[in-house]
Amino acid sequence: EQKYRARVVKAESQRDNGRTVYVLRLLDDSGKVWTVHVDAA
């Protein structure tokens, strides 16, 4: 949220090649929606 100056509207955890990854959907003030992945480790 700080990096992209947007709100997270959906968050889930997934496993990717044995690693935990947080998949976050963002919404900014202009209405743009996109997804980012954060490596939990």
Full PDB file with SEQRES, HELIX, SHEET, SSBOND, CRYST1, ORIGX, SCALE, CONECT and MASTER records, all heavy atoms in Angstrom:
SEQRES   1 A   41  GLU GLN LYS TYR ARG ALA ARG VAL VAL LYS ALA GLU SER          
SEQRES   2 A   41  GLN ARG ASP ASN GLY ARG THR VAL TYR VAL LEU ARG LEU          
SEQRES   3 A   41  LEU ASP ASP SER GLY LYS VAL TRP THR VAL HIS VAL ASP          
SEQRES   4 A   41  ALA ALA                                                      
SHEET    1 AA1 3 ARG A   7  ASP A  16  0                                        
SHEET    2 AA1 3 ARG A  19  LEU A  27 -1                                        
SHEET    3 AA1 3 VAL A  33  ASP A  39 -1                                        
CRYST1    1.000    1.000    1.000  90.00  90.00  90.00 P 1           1          
ORIGX1      1.000000  0.000000  0.000000        0.00000                         
ORIGX2      0.000000  1.000000  0.000000        0.00000                         
ORIGX3      0.000000  0.000000  1.000000        0.00000                         
SCALE1      1.000000  0.000000  0.000000        0.00000                         
SCALE2      0.000000  1.000000  0.000000        0.00000                         
SCALE3      0.000000  0.000000  1.000000        0.00000                         
ATOM      1  N   GLU A   1       0.828  -1.211   0.000  1.00  0.00           N  
ATOM      2  CA  GLU A   1       0.000   0.000   0.000  1.00  0.00           C  
ATOM      3  C   GLU A   1       0.860   1.257   0.000  1.00  0.00           C  
ATOM      4  O   GLU A   1       0.553   2.227  -0.698  1.00  0.00           O  
ATOM      5  CB  GLU A   1      -0.949  -0.001   1.201  1.00  0.00           C  
ATOM      6  CG  GLU A   1      -2.108  -0.945   1.037  1.00  0.00           C  
ATOM      7  CD  GLU A   1      -3.083  -0.925   2.203  1.00  0.00           C  
ATOM      8  OE1 GLU A   1      -2.685  -0.573   3.343  1.00  0.00           O  
ATOM      9  OE2 GLU A   1      -4.246  -1.269   1.968  1.00  0.00           O  
ATOM     10  N   GLN A   2       1.948   1.249   0.749  1.00  0.00           N  
ATOM     11  CA  GLN A   2       2.838   2.406   0.777  1.00  0.00           C  
ATOM     12  C   GLN A   2       3.599   2.551  -0.533  1.00  0.00           C  
ATOM     13  O   GLN A   2       3.735   3.648  -1.066  1.00  0.00           O  
ATOM     14  CB  GLN A   2       3.816   2.302   1.942  1.00  0.00           C  
ATOM     15  CG  GLN A   2       3.153   2.485   3.285  1.00  0.00           C  
ATOM     16  CD  GLN A   2       4.105   2.257   4.449  1.00  0.00           C  
ATOM     17  OE1 GLN A   2       5.278   1.973   4.273  1.00  0.00           O  
ATOM     18  NE2 GLN A   2       3.572   2.372   5.658  1.00  0.00           N  
ATOM     19  N   LYS A   3       4.093   1.449  -1.071  1.00  0.00           N  
ATOM     20  CA  LYS A   3       4.893   1.487  -2.289  1.00  0.00           C  
ATOM     21  C   LYS A   3       4.094   1.990  -3.483  1.00  0.00           C  
ATOM     22  O   LYS A   3       4.577   2.799  -4.272  1.00  0.00           O  
ATOM     23  CB  LYS A   3       5.457   0.093  -2.593  1.00  0.00           C  
ATOM     24  CG  LYS A   3       6.275   0.035  -3.862  1.00  0.00           C  
ATOM     25  CD  LYS A   3       6.921  -1.322  -4.060  1.00  0.00           C  
ATOM     26  CE  LYS A   3       7.769  -1.286  -5.318  1.00  0.00           C  
ATOM     27  NZ  LYS A   3       8.678  -2.409  -5.400  1.00  0.00           N  
ATOM     28  N   TYR A   4       2.851   1.516  -3.619  1.00  0.00           N  
ATOM     29  CA  TYR A   4       2.050   1.848  -4.796  1.00  0.00           C  
ATOM     30  C   TYR A   4       0.992   2.913  -4.532  1.00  0.00           C  
ATOM     31  O   TYR A   4       0.275   3.299  -5.452  1.00  0.00           O  
ATOM     32  CB  TYR A   4       1.382   0.582  -5.343  1.00  0.00           C  
ATOM     33  CG  TYR A   4       2.378  -0.395  -5.890  1.00  0.00           C  
ATOM     34  CD1 TYR A   4       2.711  -1.542  -5.173  1.00  0.00           C  
ATOM     35  CD2 TYR A   4       3.008  -0.175  -7.114  1.00  0.00           C  
ATOM     36  CE1 TYR A   4       3.639  -2.450  -5.676  1.00  0.00           C  
ATOM     37  CE2 TYR A   4       3.936  -1.070  -7.613  1.00  0.00           C  
ATOM     38  CZ  TYR A   4       4.242  -2.209  -6.887  1.00  0.00           C  
ATOM     39  OH  TYR A   4       5.165  -3.103  -7.379  1.00  0.00           O  
ATOM     40  N   ARG A   5       0.876   3.383  -3.304  1.00  0.00           N  
ATOM     41  CA  ARG A   5      -0.129   4.376  -2.926  1.00  0.00           C  
ATOM     42  C   ARG A   5      -1.513   3.942  -3.427  1.00  0.00           C  
ATOM     43  O   ARG A   5      -2.205   4.674  -4.131  1.00  0.00           O  
ATOM     44  CB  ARG A   5       0.236   5.757  -3.458  1.00  0.00           C  
ATOM     45  CG  ARG A   5       1.479   6.291  -2.808  1.00  0.00           C  
ATOM     46  CD  ARG A   5       1.714   7.738  -3.099  1.00  0.00           C  
ATOM     47  NE  ARG A   5       2.830   8.189  -2.297  1.00  0.00           N  
ATOM     48  CZ  ARG A   5       3.865   8.834  -2.778  1.00  0.00           C  
ATOM     49  NH1 ARG A   5       3.919   9.117  -4.057  1.00  0.00           N  
ATOM     50  NH2 ARG A   5       4.838   9.204  -1.983  1.00  0.00           N  
ATOM     51  N   ALA A   6      -1.862   2.714  -3.044  1.00  0.00           N  
ATOM     52  CA  ALA A   6      -3.134   2.114  -3.432  1.00  0.00           C  
ATOM     53  C   ALA A   6      -3.623   1.267  -2.274  1.00  0.00           C  
ATOM     54  O   ALA A   6      -2.879   0.996  -1.339  1.00  0.00           O  
ATOM     55  CB  ALA A   6      -2.948   1.265  -4.689  1.00  0.00           C  
ATOM     56  N   ARG A   7      -4.891   0.849  -2.348  1.00  0.00           N  
ATOM     57  CA  ARG A   7      -5.478   0.017  -1.307  1.00  0.00           C  
ATOM     58  C   ARG A   7      -5.498  -1.435  -1.753  1.00  0.00           C  
ATOM     59  O   ARG A   7      -5.811  -1.728  -2.899  1.00  0.00           O  
ATOM     60  CB  ARG A   7      -6.917   0.449  -1.017  1.00  0.00           C  
ATOM     61  CG  ARG A   7      -7.002   1.781  -0.313  1.00  0.00           C  
ATOM     62  CD  ARG A   7      -8.431   2.173  -0.023  1.00  0.00           C  
ATOM     63  NE  ARG A   7      -9.122   2.384  -1.302  1.00  0.00           N  
ATOM     64  CZ  ARG A   7     -10.361   1.998  -1.553  1.00  0.00           C  
ATOM     65  NH1 ARG A   7     -11.066   1.386  -0.632  1.00  0.00           N  
ATOM     66  NH2 ARG A   7     -10.909   2.230  -2.722  1.00  0.00           N  
ATOM     67  N   VAL A   8      -5.189  -2.331  -0.844  1.00  0.00           N  
ATOM     68  CA  VAL A   8      -5.312  -3.755  -1.120  1.00  0.00           C  
ATOM     69  C   VAL A   8      -6.781  -4.115  -0.911  1.00  0.00           C  
ATOM     70  O   VAL A   8      -7.333  -3.884   0.158  1.00  0.00           O  
ATOM     71  CB  VAL A   8      -4.396  -4.590  -0.203  1.00  0.00           C  
ATOM     72  CG1 VAL A   8      -4.683  -6.069  -0.359  1.00  0.00           C  
ATOM     73  CG2 VAL A   8      -2.936  -4.287  -0.505  1.00  0.00           C  
ATOM     74  N   VAL A   9      -7.408  -4.681  -1.949  1.00  0.00           N  
ATOM     75  CA  VAL A   9      -8.817  -5.040  -1.874  1.00  0.00           C  
ATOM     76  C   VAL A   9      -9.022  -6.551  -1.785  1.00  0.00           C  
ATOM     77  O   VAL A   9     -10.116  -7.011  -1.504  1.00  0.00           O  
ATOM     78  CB  VAL A   9      -9.618  -4.454  -3.060  1.00  0.00           C  
ATOM     79  CG1 VAL A   9      -9.635  -2.935  -2.991  1.00  0.00           C  
ATOM     80  CG2 VAL A   9      -9.061  -4.930  -4.385  1.00  0.00           C  
ATOM     81  N   LYS A  10      -7.970  -7.316  -2.047  1.00  0.00           N  
ATOM     82  CA  LYS A  10      -8.042  -8.773  -1.911  1.00  0.00           C  
ATOM     83  C   LYS A  10      -6.642  -9.273  -1.578  1.00  0.00           C  
ATOM     84  O   LYS A  10      -5.664  -8.805  -2.161  1.00  0.00           O  
ATOM     85  CB  LYS A  10      -8.537  -9.414  -3.199  1.00  0.00           C  
ATOM     86  CG  LYS A  10      -8.689 -10.920  -3.104  1.00  0.00           C  
ATOM     87  CD  LYS A  10      -9.260 -11.512  -4.375  1.00  0.00           C  
ATOM     88  CE  LYS A  10      -9.381 -13.013  -4.234  1.00  0.00           C  
ATOM     89  NZ  LYS A  10      -9.838 -13.627  -5.473  1.00  0.00           N  
ATOM     90  N   ALA A  11      -6.571 -10.233  -0.663  1.00  0.00           N  
ATOM     91  CA  ALA A  11      -5.274 -10.790  -0.265  1.00  0.00           C  
ATOM     92  C   ALA A  11      -5.434 -12.284  -0.030  1.00  0.00           C  
ATOM     93  O   ALA A  11      -6.403 -12.711   0.588  1.00  0.00           O  
ATOM     94  CB  ALA A  11      -4.779 -10.109   1.009  1.00  0.00           C  
ATOM     95  N   GLU A  12      -4.486 -13.059  -0.550  1.00  0.00           N  
ATOM     96  CA  GLU A  12      -4.490 -14.495  -0.304  1.00  0.00           C  
ATOM     97  C   GLU A  12      -3.064 -15.017  -0.310  1.00  0.00           C  
ATOM     98  O   GLU A  12      -2.170 -14.391  -0.857  1.00  0.00           O  
ATOM     99  CB  GLU A  12      -5.343 -15.246  -1.320  1.00  0.00           C  
ATOM    100  CG  GLU A  12      -4.852 -15.158  -2.738  1.00  0.00           C  
ATOM    101  CD  GLU A  12      -5.788 -15.845  -3.727  1.00  0.00           C  
ATOM    102  OE1 GLU A  12      -6.958 -16.098  -3.379  1.00  0.00           O  
ATOM    103  OE2 GLU A  12      -5.347 -16.137  -4.836  1.00  0.00           O  
ATOM    104  N   SER A  13      -2.875 -16.165   0.336  1.00  0.00           N  
ATOM    105  CA  SER A  13      -1.584 -16.840   0.363  1.00  0.00           C  
ATOM    106  C   SER A  13      -1.617 -17.993  -0.614  1.00  0.00           C  
ATOM    107  O   SER A  13      -2.626 -18.684  -0.729  1.00  0.00           O  
ATOM    108  CB  SER A  13      -1.294 -17.397   1.761  1.00  0.00           C  
ATOM    109  OG  SER A  13      -1.218 -16.364   2.694  1.00  0.00           O  
ATOM    110  N   GLN A  14      -0.497 -18.201  -1.306  1.00  0.00           N  
ATOM    111  CA  GLN A  14      -0.367 -19.331  -2.218  1.00  0.00           C  
ATOM    112  C   GLN A  14       1.020 -19.927  -2.056  1.00  0.00           C  
ATOM    113  O   GLN A  14       1.929 -19.268  -1.547  1.00  0.00           O  
ATOM    114  CB  GLN A  14      -0.550 -18.890  -3.672  1.00  0.00           C  
ATOM    115  CG  GLN A  14      -1.921 -18.400  -4.005  1.00  0.00           C  
ATOM    116  CD  GLN A  14      -2.046 -17.993  -5.466  1.00  0.00           C  
ATOM    117  OE1 GLN A  14      -1.067 -17.948  -6.213  1.00  0.00           O  
ATOM    118  NE2 GLN A  14      -3.259 -17.691  -5.877  1.00  0.00           N  
ATOM    119  N   ARG A  15       1.168 -21.161  -2.505  1.00  0.00           N  
ATOM    120  CA  ARG A  15       2.485 -21.800  -2.547  1.00  0.00           C  
ATOM    121  C   ARG A  15       2.967 -21.749  -3.989  1.00  0.00           C  
ATOM    122  O   ARG A  15       2.214 -22.051  -4.907  1.00  0.00           O  
ATOM    123  CB  ARG A  15       2.409 -23.247  -2.073  1.00  0.00           C  
ATOM    124  CG  ARG A  15       2.029 -23.412  -0.615  1.00  0.00           C  
ATOM    125  CD  ARG A  15       3.025 -22.866   0.348  1.00  0.00           C  
ATOM    126  NE  ARG A  15       4.163 -23.759   0.483  1.00  0.00           N  
ATOM    127  CZ  ARG A  15       5.174 -23.532   1.288  1.00  0.00           C  
ATOM    128  NH1 ARG A  15       5.205 -22.453   2.023  1.00  0.00           N  
ATOM    129  NH2 ARG A  15       6.163 -24.370   1.358  1.00  0.00           N  
ATOM    130  N   ASP A  16       4.212 -21.352  -4.181  1.00  0.00           N  
ATOM    131  CA  ASP A  16       4.815 -21.277  -5.504  1.00  0.00           C  
ATOM    132  C   ASP A  16       6.204 -21.905  -5.408  1.00  0.00           C  
ATOM    133  O   ASP A  16       7.101 -21.333  -4.790  1.00  0.00           O  
ATOM    134  CB  ASP A  16       4.907 -19.816  -5.963  1.00  0.00           C  
ATOM    135  CG  ASP A  16       5.441 -19.666  -7.366  1.00  0.00           C  
ATOM    136  OD1 ASP A  16       5.411 -20.644  -8.137  1.00  0.00           O  
ATOM    137  OD2 ASP A  16       5.890 -18.551  -7.702  1.00  0.00           O  
ATOM    138  N   ASN A  17       6.358 -23.089  -5.982  1.00  0.00           N  
ATOM    139  CA  ASN A  17       7.625 -23.826  -5.922  1.00  0.00           C  
ATOM    140  C   ASN A  17       8.113 -23.993  -4.487  1.00  0.00           C  
ATOM    141  O   ASN A  17       9.287 -23.793  -4.182  1.00  0.00           O  
ATOM    142  CB  ASN A  17       8.696 -23.135  -6.769  1.00  0.00           C  
ATOM    143  CG  ASN A  17       8.373 -23.181  -8.240  1.00  0.00           C  
ATOM    144  OD1 ASN A  17       7.825 -24.165  -8.726  1.00  0.00           O  
ATOM    145  ND2 ASN A  17       8.685 -22.115  -8.954  1.00  0.00           N  
ATOM    146  N   GLY A  18       7.175 -24.320  -3.581  1.00  0.00           N  
ATOM    147  CA  GLY A  18       7.538 -24.577  -2.192  1.00  0.00           C  
ATOM    148  C   GLY A  18       7.685 -23.339  -1.327  1.00  0.00           C  
ATOM    149  O   GLY A  18       8.018 -23.445  -0.153  1.00  0.00           O  
ATOM    150  N   ARG A  19       7.461 -22.172  -1.891  1.00  0.00           N  
ATOM    151  CA  ARG A  19       7.585 -20.928  -1.133  1.00  0.00           C  
ATOM    152  C   ARG A  19       6.215 -20.303  -0.961  1.00  0.00           C  
ATOM    153  O   ARG A  19       5.357 -20.415  -1.824  1.00  0.00           O  
ATOM    154  CB  ARG A  19       8.502 -19.942  -1.858  1.00  0.00           C  
ATOM    155  CG  ARG A  19       9.931 -20.461  -2.015  1.00  0.00           C  
ATOM    156  CD  ARG A  19      10.776 -19.494  -2.804  1.00  0.00           C  
ATOM    157  NE  ARG A  19      10.983 -18.251  -2.093  1.00  0.00           N  
ATOM    158  CZ  ARG A  19      12.047 -17.979  -1.348  1.00  0.00           C  
ATOM    159  NH1 ARG A  19      12.997 -18.885  -1.209  1.00  0.00           N  
ATOM    160  NH2 ARG A  19      12.173 -16.825  -0.745  1.00  0.00           N  
ATOM    161  N   THR A  20       6.019 -19.598   0.154  1.00  0.00           N  
ATOM    162  CA  THR A  20       4.769 -18.876   0.374  1.00  0.00           C  
ATOM    163  C   THR A  20       4.840 -17.532  -0.328  1.00  0.00           C  
ATOM    164  O   THR A  20       5.823 -16.800  -0.203  1.00  0.00           O  
ATOM    165  CB  THR A  20       4.521 -18.653   1.873  1.00  0.00           C  
ATOM    166  OG1 THR A  20       4.472 -19.925   2.516  1.00  0.00           O  
ATOM    167  CG2 THR A  20       3.224 -17.908   2.119  1.00  0.00           C  
ATOM    168  N   VAL A  21       3.789 -17.239  -1.075  1.00  0.00           N  
ATOM    169  CA  VAL A  21       3.687 -15.971  -1.799  1.00  0.00           C  
ATOM    170  C   VAL A  21       2.340 -15.353  -1.455  1.00  0.00           C  
ATOM    171  O   VAL A  21       1.309 -16.035  -1.494  1.00  0.00           O  
ATOM    172  CB  VAL A  21       3.786 -16.184  -3.325  1.00  0.00           C  
ATOM    173  CG1 VAL A  21       3.585 -14.881  -4.070  1.00  0.00           C  
ATOM    174  CG2 VAL A  21       5.115 -16.816  -3.686  1.00  0.00           C  
ATOM    175  N   TYR A  22       2.339 -14.073  -1.095  1.00  0.00           N  
ATOM    176  CA  TYR A  22       1.099 -13.346  -0.862  1.00  0.00           C  
ATOM    177  C   TYR A  22       0.693 -12.707  -2.181  1.00  0.00           C  
ATOM    178  O   TYR A  22       1.472 -11.973  -2.795  1.00  0.00           O  
ATOM    179  CB  TYR A  22       1.279 -12.273   0.208  1.00  0.00           C  
ATOM    180  CG  TYR A  22       1.756 -12.812   1.535  1.00  0.00           C  
ATOM    181  CD1 TYR A  22       2.878 -12.281   2.154  1.00  0.00           C  
ATOM    182  CD2 TYR A  22       1.077 -13.851   2.175  1.00  0.00           C  
ATOM    183  CE1 TYR A  22       3.315 -12.774   3.379  1.00  0.00           C  
ATOM    184  CE2 TYR A  22       1.513 -14.352   3.388  1.00  0.00           C  
ATOM    185  CZ  TYR A  22       2.630 -13.799   3.983  1.00  0.00           C  
ATOM    186  OH  TYR A  22       3.065 -14.292   5.191  1.00  0.00           O  
ATOM    187  N   VAL A  23      -0.514 -12.985  -2.613  1.00  0.00           N  
ATOM    188  CA  VAL A  23      -1.048 -12.419  -3.848  1.00  0.00           C  
ATOM    189  C   VAL A  23      -2.030 -11.332  -3.434  1.00  0.00           C  
ATOM    190  O   VAL A  23      -3.043 -11.610  -2.785  1.00  0.00           O  
ATOM    191  CB  VAL A  23      -1.734 -13.490  -4.713  1.00  0.00           C  
ATOM    192  CG1 VAL A  23      -2.267 -12.880  -5.998  1.00  0.00           C  
ATOM    193  CG2 VAL A  23      -0.765 -14.627  -5.013  1.00  0.00           C  
ATOM    194  N   LEU A  24      -1.711 -10.087  -3.792  1.00  0.00           N  
ATOM    195  CA  LEU A  24      -2.482  -8.935  -3.346  1.00  0.00           C  
ATOM    196  C   LEU A  24      -3.050  -8.183  -4.548  1.00  0.00           C  
ATOM    197  O   LEU A  24      -2.318  -7.849  -5.478  1.00  0.00           O  
ATOM    198  CB  LEU A  24      -1.601  -7.991  -2.529  1.00  0.00           C  
ATOM    199  CG  LEU A  24      -0.826  -8.631  -1.374  1.00  0.00           C  
ATOM    200  CD1 LEU A  24       0.116  -7.630  -0.751  1.00  0.00           C  
ATOM    201  CD2 LEU A  24      -1.767  -9.189  -0.343  1.00  0.00           C  
ATOM    202  N   ARG A  25      -4.360  -7.926  -4.518  1.00  0.00           N  
ATOM    203  CA  ARG A  25      -4.996  -7.133  -5.566  1.00  0.00           C  
ATOM    204  C   ARG A  25      -5.144  -5.717  -5.046  1.00  0.00           C  
ATOM    205  O   ARG A  25      -5.613  -5.495  -3.938  1.00  0.00           O  
ATOM    206  CB  ARG A  25      -6.363  -7.710  -5.926  1.00  0.00           C  
ATOM    207  CG  ARG A  25      -7.015  -6.884  -7.024  1.00  0.00           C  
ATOM    208  CD  ARG A  25      -7.971  -7.613  -7.885  1.00  0.00           C  
ATOM    209  NE  ARG A  25      -7.354  -8.798  -8.456  1.00  0.00           N  
ATOM    210  CZ  ARG A  25      -8.038  -9.869  -8.791  1.00  0.00           C  
ATOM    211  NH1 ARG A  25      -9.324  -9.921  -8.615  1.00  0.00           N  
ATOM    212  NH2 ARG A  25      -7.431 -10.904  -9.316  1.00  0.00           N  
ATOM    213  N   LEU A  26      -4.722  -4.735  -5.870  1.00  0.00           N  
ATOM    214  CA  LEU A  26      -4.700  -3.333  -5.471  1.00  0.00           C  
ATOM    215  C   LEU A  26      -5.686  -2.506  -6.280  1.00  0.00           C  
ATOM    216  O   LEU A  26      -5.967  -2.828  -7.440  1.00  0.00           O  
ATOM    217  CB  LEU A  26      -3.297  -2.755  -5.684  1.00  0.00           C  
ATOM    218  CG  LEU A  26      -2.228  -3.370  -4.807  1.00  0.00           C  
ATOM    219  CD1 LEU A  26      -1.006  -3.695  -5.594  1.00  0.00           C  
ATOM    220  CD2 LEU A  26      -1.928  -2.432  -3.677  1.00  0.00           C  
ATOM    221  N   LEU A  27      -6.158  -1.424  -5.674  1.00  0.00           N  
ATOM    222  CA  LEU A  27      -7.036  -0.458  -6.324  1.00  0.00           C  
ATOM    223  C   LEU A  27      -6.519   0.927  -5.974  1.00  0.00           C  
ATOM    224  O   LEU A  27      -6.364   1.257  -4.800  1.00  0.00           O  
ATOM    225  CB  LEU A  27      -8.480  -0.625  -5.821  1.00  0.00           C  
ATOM    226  CG  LEU A  27      -9.484   0.442  -6.238  1.00  0.00           C  
ATOM    227  CD1 LEU A  27      -9.754   0.370  -7.740  1.00  0.00           C  
ATOM    228  CD2 LEU A  27     -10.783   0.274  -5.451  1.00  0.00           C  
ATOM    229  N   ASP A  28      -6.247   1.754  -7.004  1.00  0.00           N  
ATOM    230  CA  ASP A  28      -5.780   3.113  -6.723  1.00  0.00           C  
ATOM    231  C   ASP A  28      -6.925   4.111  -6.882  1.00  0.00           C  
ATOM    232  O   ASP A  28      -8.041   3.741  -7.268  1.00  0.00           O  
ATOM    233  CB  ASP A  28      -4.548   3.490  -7.558  1.00  0.00           C  
ATOM    234  CG  ASP A  28      -4.822   3.649  -9.038  1.00  0.00           C  
ATOM    235  OD1 ASP A  28      -5.998   3.678  -9.451  1.00  0.00           O  
ATOM    236  OD2 ASP A  28      -3.845   3.751  -9.803  1.00  0.00           O  
ATOM    237  N   ASP A  29      -6.651   5.383  -6.584  1.00  0.00           N  
ATOM    238  CA  ASP A  29      -7.685   6.417  -6.607  1.00  0.00           C  
ATOM    239  C   ASP A  29      -8.272   6.648  -7.993  1.00  0.00           C  
ATOM    240  O   ASP A  29      -9.404   7.100  -8.123  1.00  0.00           O  
ATOM    241  CB  ASP A  29      -7.131   7.735  -6.060  1.00  0.00           C  
ATOM    242  CG  ASP A  29      -6.882   7.670  -4.556  1.00  0.00           C  
ATOM    243  OD1 ASP A  29      -7.505   6.815  -3.890  1.00  0.00           O  
ATOM    244  OD2 ASP A  29      -6.070   8.466  -4.058  1.00  0.00           O  
ATOM    245  N   SER A  30      -7.524   6.316  -9.040  1.00  0.00           N  
ATOM    246  CA  SER A  30      -8.029   6.507 -10.401  1.00  0.00           C  
ATOM    247  C   SER A  30      -8.881   5.334 -10.871  1.00  0.00           C  
ATOM    248  O   SER A  30      -9.437   5.364 -11.964  1.00  0.00           O  
ATOM    249  CB  SER A  30      -6.862   6.723 -11.381  1.00  0.00           C  
ATOM    250  OG  SER A  30      -6.121   5.524 -11.539  1.00  0.00           O  
ATOM    251  N   GLY A  31      -8.964   4.279 -10.042  1.00  0.00           N  
ATOM    252  CA  GLY A  31      -9.767   3.114 -10.397  1.00  0.00           C  
ATOM    253  C   GLY A  31      -8.980   1.978 -11.023  1.00  0.00           C  
ATOM    254  O   GLY A  31      -9.542   0.947 -11.375  1.00  0.00           O  
ATOM    255  N   LYS A  32      -7.672   2.140 -11.163  1.00  0.00           N  
ATOM    256  CA  LYS A  32      -6.835   1.083 -11.740  1.00  0.00           C  
ATOM    257  C   LYS A  32      -6.733  -0.074 -10.752  1.00  0.00           C  
ATOM    258  O   LYS A  32      -6.514   0.129  -9.556  1.00  0.00           O  
ATOM    259  CB  LYS A  32      -5.444   1.633 -12.037  1.00  0.00           C  
ATOM    260  CG  LYS A  32      -4.489   0.592 -12.590  1.00  0.00           C  
ATOM    261  CD  LYS A  32      -3.104   1.180 -12.818  1.00  0.00           C  
ATOM    262  CE  LYS A  32      -2.136   0.083 -13.202  1.00  0.00           C  
ATOM    263  NZ  LYS A  32      -0.763   0.566 -13.276  1.00  0.00           N  
ATOM    264  N   VAL A  33      -6.886  -1.297 -11.262  1.00  0.00           N  
ATOM    265  CA  VAL A  33      -6.779  -2.512 -10.448  1.00  0.00           C  
ATOM    266  C   VAL A  33      -5.658  -3.366 -11.020  1.00  0.00           C  
ATOM    267  O   VAL A  33      -5.566  -3.550 -12.233  1.00  0.00           O  
ATOM    268  CB  VAL A  33      -8.101  -3.318 -10.471  1.00  0.00           C  
ATOM    269  CG1 VAL A  33      -7.956  -4.617  -9.694  1.00  0.00           C  
ATOM    270  CG2 VAL A  33      -9.247  -2.480  -9.922  1.00  0.00           C  
ATOM    271  N   TRP A  34      -4.791  -3.877 -10.151  1.00  0.00           N  
ATOM    272  CA  TRP A  34      -3.729  -4.775 -10.592  1.00  0.00           C  
ATOM    273  C   TRP A  34      -3.325  -5.676  -9.449  1.00  0.00           C  
ATOM    274  O   TRP A  34      -3.736  -5.484  -8.315  1.00  0.00           O  
ATOM    275  CB  TRP A  34      -2.538  -4.003 -11.156  1.00  0.00           C  
ATOM    276  CG  TRP A  34      -1.720  -3.235 -10.162  1.00  0.00           C  
ATOM    277  CD1 TRP A  34      -0.513  -3.606  -9.644  1.00  0.00           C  
ATOM    278  CD2 TRP A  34      -2.020  -1.965  -9.580  1.00  0.00           C  
ATOM    279  NE1 TRP A  34      -0.062  -2.648  -8.765  1.00  0.00           N  
ATOM    280  CE2 TRP A  34      -0.960  -1.638  -8.713  1.00  0.00           C  
ATOM    281  CE3 TRP A  34      -3.080  -1.079  -9.688  1.00  0.00           C  
ATOM    282  CZ2 TRP A  34      -0.941  -0.460  -7.977  1.00  0.00           C  
ATOM    283  CZ3 TRP A  34      -3.057   0.085  -8.958  1.00  0.00           C  
ATOM    284  CH2 TRP A  34      -1.994   0.381  -8.110  1.00  0.00           C  
ATOM    285  N   THR A  35      -2.540  -6.688  -9.774  1.00  0.00           N  
ATOM    286  CA  THR A  35      -2.128  -7.698  -8.796  1.00  0.00           C  
ATOM    287  C   THR A  35      -0.616  -7.689  -8.643  1.00  0.00           C  
ATOM    288  O   THR A  35       0.103  -7.559  -9.626  1.00  0.00           O  
ATOM    289  CB  THR A  35      -2.593  -9.101  -9.255  1.00  0.00           C  
ATOM    290  OG1 THR A  35      -4.017  -9.070  -9.412  1.00  0.00           O  
ATOM    291  CG2 THR A  35      -2.218 -10.164  -8.250  1.00  0.00           C  
ATOM    292  N   VAL A  36      -0.156  -7.822  -7.405  1.00  0.00           N  
ATOM    293  CA  VAL A  36       1.272  -7.973  -7.129  1.00  0.00           C  
ATOM    294  C   VAL A  36       1.468  -9.220  -6.275  1.00  0.00           C  
ATOM    295  O   VAL A  36       0.547  -9.688  -5.611  1.00  0.00           O  
ATOM    296  CB  VAL A  36       1.881  -6.744  -6.420  1.00  0.00           C  
ATOM    297  CG1 VAL A  36       1.789  -5.508  -7.284  1.00  0.00           C  
ATOM    298  CG2 VAL A  36       1.239  -6.499  -5.083  1.00  0.00           C  
ATOM    299  N   HIS A  37       2.681  -9.752  -6.316  1.00  0.00           N  
ATOM    300  CA  HIS A  37       3.054 -10.934  -5.542  1.00  0.00           C  
ATOM    301  C   HIS A  37       4.175 -10.536  -4.597  1.00  0.00           C  
ATOM    302  O   HIS A  37       5.130  -9.888  -5.015  1.00  0.00           O  
ATOM    303  CB  HIS A  37       3.529 -12.049  -6.473  1.00  0.00           C  
ATOM    304  CG  HIS A  37       2.472 -12.509  -7.423  1.00  0.00           C  
ATOM    305  ND1 HIS A  37       2.192 -11.845  -8.599  1.00  0.00           N  
ATOM    306  CD2 HIS A  37       1.620 -13.545  -7.367  1.00  0.00           C  
ATOM    307  CE1 HIS A  37       1.214 -12.472  -9.220  1.00  0.00           C  
ATOM    308  NE2 HIS A  37       0.848 -13.507  -8.497  1.00  0.00           N  
ATOM    309  N   VAL A  38       4.056 -10.938  -3.345  1.00  0.00           N  
ATOM    310  CA  VAL A  38       5.077 -10.643  -2.337  1.00  0.00           C  
ATOM    311  C   VAL A  38       5.605 -11.966  -1.808  1.00  0.00           C  
ATOM    312  O   VAL A  38       4.841 -12.789  -1.296  1.00  0.00           O  
ATOM    313  CB  VAL A  38       4.511  -9.796  -1.178  1.00  0.00           C  
ATOM    314  CG1 VAL A  38       5.601  -9.508  -0.154  1.00  0.00           C  
ATOM    315  CG2 VAL A  38       3.896  -8.511  -1.697  1.00  0.00           C  
ATOM    316  N   ASP A  39       6.912 -12.177  -1.940  1.00  0.00           N  
ATOM    317  CA  ASP A  39       7.546 -13.382  -1.402  1.00  0.00           C  
ATOM    318  C   ASP A  39       7.577 -13.245   0.117  1.00  0.00           C  
ATOM    319  O   ASP A  39       8.138 -12.291   0.650  1.00  0.00           O  
ATOM    320  CB  ASP A  39       8.958 -13.505  -1.967  1.00  0.00           C  
ATOM    321  CG  ASP A  39       9.630 -14.790  -1.534  1.00  0.00           C  
ATOM    322  OD1 ASP A  39       9.960 -14.907  -0.328  1.00  0.00           O  
ATOM    323  OD2 ASP A  39       9.825 -15.674  -2.382  1.00  0.00           O  
ATOM    324  N   ALA A  40       6.974 -14.203   0.821  1.00  0.00           N  
ATOM    325  CA  ALA A  40       6.859 -14.119   2.279  1.00  0.00           C  
ATOM    326  C   ALA A  40       8.204 -14.256   2.977  1.00  0.00           C  
ATOM    327  O   ALA A  40       8.383 -13.754   4.072  1.00  0.00           O  
ATOM    328  CB  ALA A  40       5.897 -15.183   2.794  1.00  0.00           C  
ATOM    329  N   ALA A  41       9.150 -14.940   2.350  1.00  0.00           N  
ATOM    330  CA  ALA A  41      10.460 -15.143   2.980  1.00  0.00           C  
ATOM    331  C   ALA A  41      11.368 -13.931   2.826  1.00  0.00           C  
ATOM    332  O   ALA A  41      12.079 -13.570   3.754  1.00  0.00           O  
ATOM    333  CB  ALA A  41      11.138 -16.378   2.380  1.00  0.00           C  
TER     334      ALA A  41                                                      
MASTER        0    0    0    0    3    0    0    6  333    1    0    4          
END                                                                             
